[in-house]
Amino acid sequence: MGGQGIREMTAADVEAVGEVARAALTLDTREAPALLARLLEPPRERGWTALVTEDLTGVLLASMSGAAPRGHIDLLAVAPEARGRGRGRALVEAAEEWMRGRGATEARFAGNPPCYAWPGVDVRYTPAACLAERLGYGWYGTAWNMTADLTGDLSVETDLARLAEAGVAVHKATRRDLGAVAAFVETHWGGNWAWETEQATGCHYASRDGEIIGFAAWGARPAWFGPTGVAEAARGLGVGQVLLRRCLAEQRDSGLTEAQISWVGPLRFYSRAVGARVERVFWLYRRELGRP
């Protein structure tokens, strides 16, 4: 497939490729193998591929955006000792060939929700940004994560009592609850968030008069927080902050000392609620796919 020396990944390659990801993705070393495993199990309806170099020093995962004629570079990693020899370029060109074969007219170095590694290219992964620009990809947006310190006060007892007085109860979702929570999420925010909620390591939700009014989840992207949302009619009660703190406390109990809040929109909410700070910044790239 594509340039010489590129082939589809097999199950026998996963362990070796996980080590390549661990060595190459220096900002994500701890999560790299788990991140790769997550990308290898996307939603069933997603078109995707995993490509490797013959010597297993480079890996690329790519996918299609639903009905849109658009492909995504989801993950690209080349072992540090193998860089500078054209492996990254060959992998991207093979992925673009795969995208064209499925009708894509545009390729992106950008996350493909709901199953994604990053919103875009972390600005500190300089080789990836340089490769994208060298191959004709143009910048079209910026996204960011916020970092929450988990060593501080995440207590919610006072807030839980106040919410109880307003008729609101907060629950840790069990596997039996997840179907109802996901249905609520899909109604208000769509299928992408519903899938992430179902895949989450931990999920908490709030209810009033037997109806779900808010949720928060973490771990759909390993060790990251999100998604979360509160129904419009229930906003202003402080439900979102309680759900956030419940999830972050659970992440702390899993052994983390800080958590990434992914692809953030409302900066002020997270800053006020838990003192989160903007830290990881991502550039989003795209280019039209003509003939090779």
Protein backbone atom coordinates (compact mmCIF):
# COMPACT_ATOMS: atom_id res chain seq x y z
CA MET A 1 0.00 0.00 0.00
CA GLY A 2 1.23 3.49 -0.79
CA GLY A 3 4.98 4.09 -0.77
CA GLN A 4 7.49 1.29 -0.66
CA GLY A 5 7.83 -0.38 2.73
CA ILE A 6 4.37 0.49 4.08
CA ARG A 7 1.80 -2.17 4.96
CA GLU A 8 -1.29 -2.65 7.09
CA MET A 9 -0.69 -3.40 10.73
CA THR A 10 -1.53 -6.87 12.05
CA ALA A 11 -2.41 -8.09 15.53
CA ALA A 12 1.12 -9.45 15.84
CA ASP A 13 2.53 -5.93 15.47
CA VAL A 14 0.59 -4.30 18.32
CA GLU A 15 3.13 -4.80 21.11
CA ALA A 16 6.07 -3.55 19.03
CA VAL A 17 4.08 -0.61 17.71
CA GLY A 18 3.04 0.27 21.26
CA GLU A 19 6.71 0.58 22.17
CA VAL A 20 7.32 2.82 19.14
CA ALA A 21 4.47 5.03 20.32
CA ARG A 22 5.87 5.09 23.85
CA ALA A 23 9.32 6.16 22.60
CA ALA A 24 8.09 8.69 20.04
CA LEU A 25 5.21 10.34 21.90
CA THR A 26 7.29 11.87 24.65
CA LEU A 27 4.44 14.03 25.96
CA ASP A 28 2.20 10.96 26.26
CA THR A 29 4.66 8.25 27.28
CA ARG A 30 2.57 6.86 30.11
CA GLU A 31 -0.60 6.63 28.03
CA ALA A 32 0.82 5.76 24.62
CA PRO A 33 0.07 1.99 24.49
CA ALA A 34 -3.42 2.49 25.97
CA LEU A 35 -4.04 5.34 23.54
CA LEU A 36 -3.08 3.12 20.63
CA ALA A 37 -5.40 0.38 21.93
CA ARG A 38 -8.29 2.85 22.12
CA LEU A 39 -7.76 4.00 18.53
CA LEU A 40 -7.75 0.37 17.40
CA GLU A 41 -11.31 -0.03 18.74
CA PRO A 42 -13.26 2.92 17.27
CA PRO A 43 -17.05 3.03 16.78
CA ARG A 44 -18.14 0.09 14.65
CA GLU A 45 -19.39 2.29 11.83
CA ARG A 46 -16.09 4.13 11.43
CA GLY A 47 -13.85 3.50 8.45
CA TRP A 48 -10.24 3.37 9.62
CA THR A 49 -6.84 1.87 8.94
CA ALA A 50 -3.57 1.25 10.76
CA LEU A 51 -0.36 1.38 8.73
CA VAL A 52 3.22 0.50 9.70
CA THR A 53 6.63 0.57 8.11
CA GLU A 54 8.03 -2.85 7.26
CA ASP A 55 10.69 -2.50 9.97
CA LEU A 56 8.06 -1.48 12.56
CA THR A 57 9.74 1.83 13.35
CA GLY A 58 6.75 3.91 12.25
CA VAL A 59 2.98 3.71 12.67
CA LEU A 60 0.03 5.78 11.47
CA LEU A 61 -3.67 5.45 12.22
CA ALA A 62 -6.17 7.17 9.94
CA SER A 63 -9.96 7.33 9.77
CA MET A 64 -12.88 8.80 7.86
CA SER A 65 -15.35 11.38 9.20
CA GLY A 66 -18.70 9.65 8.98
CA ALA A 67 -20.57 10.71 5.85
CA ALA A 68 -18.23 13.66 5.23
CA PRO A 69 -15.67 13.23 2.41
CA ARG A 70 -12.85 13.86 4.85
CA GLY A 71 -10.02 11.78 6.24
CA HIS A 72 -8.05 12.22 9.46
CA ILE A 73 -4.50 11.43 10.51
CA ASP A 74 -5.31 10.23 14.03
CA LEU A 75 -1.85 9.19 15.19
CA LEU A 76 1.61 9.29 13.66
CA ALA A 77 4.70 8.05 15.47
CA VAL A 78 8.21 7.30 14.21
CA ALA A 79 10.87 5.90 16.52
CA PRO A 80 13.42 8.63 17.36
CA GLU A 81 16.35 6.64 15.94
CA ALA A 82 14.52 6.18 12.60
CA ARG A 83 13.60 9.81 11.93
CA GLY A 84 14.94 11.79 9.00
CA ARG A 85 14.63 8.88 6.55
CA GLY A 86 11.22 9.63 5.02
CA ARG A 87 9.16 7.19 7.07
CA GLY A 88 6.68 9.81 8.29
CA ARG A 89 6.15 11.15 4.78
CA ALA A 90 5.68 7.64 3.37
CA LEU A 91 3.10 6.80 6.03
CA VAL A 92 1.12 10.00 5.41
CA GLU A 93 1.18 9.50 1.65
CA ALA A 94 -0.05 5.92 2.08
CA ALA A 95 -2.82 7.16 4.36
CA GLU A 96 -3.84 9.79 1.82
CA GLU A 97 -4.03 7.07 -0.85
CA TRP A 98 -6.28 5.08 1.48
CA MET A 99 -8.48 8.16 2.04
CA ARG A 100 -8.82 8.85 -1.68
CA GLY A 101 -9.93 5.26 -2.19
CA ARG A 102 -12.84 5.99 0.15
CA GLY A 103 -13.85 9.21 -1.56
CA ALA A 104 -12.11 11.74 0.69
CA THR A 105 -11.53 15.17 -0.82
CA GLU A 106 -9.78 16.58 2.25
CA ALA A 107 -7.25 15.25 4.77
CA ARG A 108 -6.71 16.62 8.25
CA PHE A 109 -4.11 16.41 10.98
CA ALA A 110 -6.91 16.83 13.51
CA GLY A 111 -8.94 14.76 15.93
CA ASN A 112 -11.87 12.73 14.65
CA PRO A 113 -14.40 12.61 17.50
CA PRO A 114 -15.52 10.63 19.32
CA CYS A 115 -12.47 8.35 19.17
CA TYR A 116 -9.38 10.55 18.94
CA ALA A 117 -5.88 10.90 20.31
CA TRP A 118 -5.60 14.70 20.40
CA PRO A 119 -7.61 17.64 19.02
CA GLY A 120 -4.72 18.34 16.63
CA VAL A 121 -0.93 18.44 16.64
CA ASP A 122 0.48 19.43 20.03
CA VAL A 123 2.61 22.50 19.29
CA ARG A 124 5.51 20.85 21.14
CA TYR A 125 5.57 17.91 18.74
CA THR A 126 7.65 20.01 16.38
CA PRO A 127 8.57 17.23 13.89
CA ALA A 128 4.88 16.45 13.29
CA ALA A 129 4.00 20.11 12.71
CA CYS A 130 6.95 20.51 10.33
CA LEU A 131 5.94 17.39 8.41
CA ALA A 132 2.35 18.58 8.04
CA GLU A 133 3.47 21.95 6.68
CA ARG A 134 6.08 20.36 4.39
CA LEU A 135 3.36 18.16 2.87
CA GLY A 136 1.13 21.15 2.11
CA TYR A 137 -1.22 21.07 5.09
CA GLY A 138 -2.37 24.51 6.17
CA TRP A 139 -3.26 25.66 9.69
CA TYR A 140 -6.99 26.27 10.17
CA GLY A 141 -7.54 26.43 13.92
CA THR A 142 -6.24 26.09 17.47
CA ALA A 143 -7.58 23.95 20.30
CA TRP A 144 -6.42 23.44 23.87
CA ASN A 145 -6.62 21.27 26.93
CA MET A 146 -6.65 22.47 30.50
CA THR A 147 -4.76 20.77 33.33
CA ALA A 148 -6.41 20.23 36.71
CA ASP A 149 -4.30 19.67 39.81
CA LEU A 150 -5.77 16.69 41.68
CA THR A 151 -3.82 17.20 44.89
CA GLY A 152 -6.02 20.05 46.12
CA ASP A 153 -9.48 20.14 47.70
CA LEU A 154 -12.08 18.37 45.55
CA SER A 155 -14.71 17.97 48.27
CA VAL A 156 -18.39 18.39 47.36
CA GLU A 157 -20.23 17.59 50.60
CA THR A 158 -21.58 21.11 51.12
CA ASP A 159 -22.66 21.35 47.49
CA LEU A 160 -24.34 17.94 47.61
CA ALA A 161 -26.40 19.03 50.59
CA ARG A 162 -27.43 22.23 48.80
CA LEU A 163 -28.40 20.30 45.67
CA ALA A 164 -30.40 17.82 47.76
CA GLU A 165 -32.44 20.72 49.14
CA ALA A 166 -33.21 21.66 45.53
CA GLY A 167 -34.34 18.10 44.78
CA VAL A 168 -31.17 17.12 42.89
CA ALA A 169 -29.36 13.84 43.54
CA VAL A 170 -25.88 12.94 42.26
CA HIS A 171 -24.98 9.35 41.41
CA LYS A 172 -22.01 7.29 40.30
CA ALA A 173 -23.14 5.55 37.13
CA THR A 174 -23.12 1.76 37.14
CA ARG A 175 -22.98 -0.31 33.97
CA ARG A 176 -26.74 -0.67 34.29
CA ASP A 177 -27.13 3.13 34.35
CA LEU A 178 -24.93 3.89 31.35
CA GLY A 179 -27.60 3.18 28.75
CA ALA A 180 -29.94 5.78 30.21
CA VAL A 181 -27.11 8.29 30.69
CA ALA A 182 -25.93 7.79 27.11
CA ALA A 183 -29.49 8.26 25.82
CA PHE A 184 -29.70 11.55 27.73
CA VAL A 185 -26.35 12.63 26.31
CA GLU A 186 -27.32 11.74 22.74
CA THR A 187 -30.57 13.70 23.03
CA HIS A 188 -28.80 16.86 24.17
CA TRP A 189 -25.33 16.66 22.56
CA GLY A 190 -25.39 13.97 19.90
CA GLY A 191 -24.00 10.54 19.21
CA ASN A 192 -20.30 11.38 19.52
CA TRP A 193 -20.58 12.35 23.16
CA ALA A 194 -22.88 9.41 23.82
CA TRP A 195 -20.23 6.99 22.51
CA GLU A 196 -17.54 8.60 24.67
CA THR A 197 -19.80 8.29 27.69
CA GLU A 198 -20.37 4.60 27.07
CA GLN A 199 -16.61 4.04 26.72
CA ALA A 200 -15.70 6.00 29.84
CA THR A 201 -13.77 4.58 32.76
CA GLY A 202 -15.90 6.59 35.19
CA CYS A 203 -19.19 8.47 34.89
CA HIS A 204 -21.34 10.47 37.31
CA TYR A 205 -24.76 11.96 36.71
CA ALA A 206 -27.37 14.14 38.38
CA SER A 207 -31.11 13.62 38.45
CA ARG A 208 -34.18 15.57 39.55
CA ASP A 209 -37.65 14.09 39.89
CA GLY A 210 -36.35 10.88 38.35
CA GLU A 211 -35.00 12.61 35.24
CA ILE A 212 -31.32 12.89 34.34
CA ILE A 213 -30.25 16.54 34.15
CA GLY A 214 -26.46 16.37 33.84
CA PHE A 215 -23.48 14.08 33.46
CA ALA A 216 -19.68 14.00 33.51
CA ALA A 217 -17.35 11.26 32.31
CA TRP A 218 -13.64 10.50 32.17
CA GLY A 219 -11.38 7.94 30.53
CA ALA A 220 -12.87 7.62 27.04
CA ARG A 221 -9.50 9.00 25.96
CA PRO A 222 -7.27 7.32 28.56
CA ALA A 223 -6.83 9.44 31.72
CA TRP A 224 -8.51 12.54 30.24
CA PHE A 225 -11.64 14.18 31.62
CA GLY A 226 -14.69 14.71 29.42
CA PRO A 227 -17.25 14.99 28.05
CA THR A 228 -19.63 16.71 30.44
CA GLY A 229 -22.83 18.70 30.19
CA VAL A 230 -25.90 19.93 32.05
CA ALA A 231 -29.35 20.25 30.50
CA GLU A 232 -30.22 23.87 29.80
CA ALA A 233 -33.17 23.87 32.21
CA ALA A 234 -30.91 22.80 35.09
CA ARG A 235 -28.03 25.22 34.58
CA GLY A 236 -27.14 27.68 37.31
CA LEU A 237 -27.60 25.19 40.15
CA GLY A 238 -23.93 24.24 40.39
CA VAL A 239 -24.52 20.71 39.08
CA GLY A 240 -21.66 20.87 36.60
CA GLN A 241 -19.06 21.76 39.22
CA VAL A 242 -20.11 18.90 41.49
CA LEU A 243 -20.01 16.36 38.67
CA LEU A 244 -16.60 17.65 37.57
CA ARG A 245 -15.17 17.38 41.07
CA ARG A 246 -16.61 13.88 41.55
CA CYS A 247 -14.88 12.69 38.37
CA LEU A 248 -11.59 14.38 39.21
CA ALA A 249 -11.61 12.84 42.68
CA GLU A 250 -12.12 9.45 41.06
CA GLN A 251 -9.18 10.09 38.72
CA ARG A 252 -7.06 11.03 41.75
CA ASP A 253 -8.08 7.79 43.45
CA SER A 254 -6.89 5.90 40.35
CA GLY A 255 -3.37 7.20 41.01
CA LEU A 256 -3.24 10.42 38.97
CA THR A 257 -1.95 13.69 40.40
CA GLU A 258 -3.29 15.82 37.54
CA ALA A 259 -5.87 15.41 34.80
CA GLN A 260 -6.23 16.73 31.29
CA ILE A 261 -9.59 18.35 30.53
CA SER A 262 -9.90 17.69 26.82
CA TRP A 263 -10.72 20.02 23.94
CA VAL A 264 -12.00 22.75 26.26
CA GLY A 265 -14.58 25.33 25.33
CA PRO A 266 -15.57 27.18 28.56
CA LEU A 267 -12.20 28.23 30.02
CA ARG A 268 -13.72 30.30 32.83
CA PHE A 269 -15.86 27.45 34.14
CA TYR A 270 -12.92 25.09 34.68
CA SER A 271 -10.67 27.85 35.96
CA ARG A 272 -13.20 28.85 38.62
CA ALA A 273 -14.39 25.35 39.50
CA VAL A 274 -11.02 23.63 40.05
CA GLY A 275 -8.30 26.17 39.24
CA ALA A 276 -7.52 24.47 35.91
CA ARG A 277 -4.97 26.12 33.63
CA VAL A 278 -4.50 26.05 29.88
CA GLU A 279 -1.45 23.94 29.13
CA ARG A 280 -1.58 21.73 26.03
CA VAL A 281 -2.20 23.67 22.81
CA PHE A 282 -2.91 22.03 19.46
CA TRP A 283 -2.71 23.26 15.89
CA LEU A 284 -5.24 21.84 13.42
CA TYR A 285 -4.09 21.30 9.81
CA ARG A 286 -5.85 20.33 6.61
CA ARG A 287 -5.33 20.15 2.88
CA GLU A 288 -7.36 19.26 -0.17
CA LEU A 289 -6.74 15.84 -1.63
CA GLY A 290 -6.18 15.97 -5.33
CA ARG A 291 -4.63 13.18 -7.34
CA PRO A 292 -1.31 11.91 -5.98
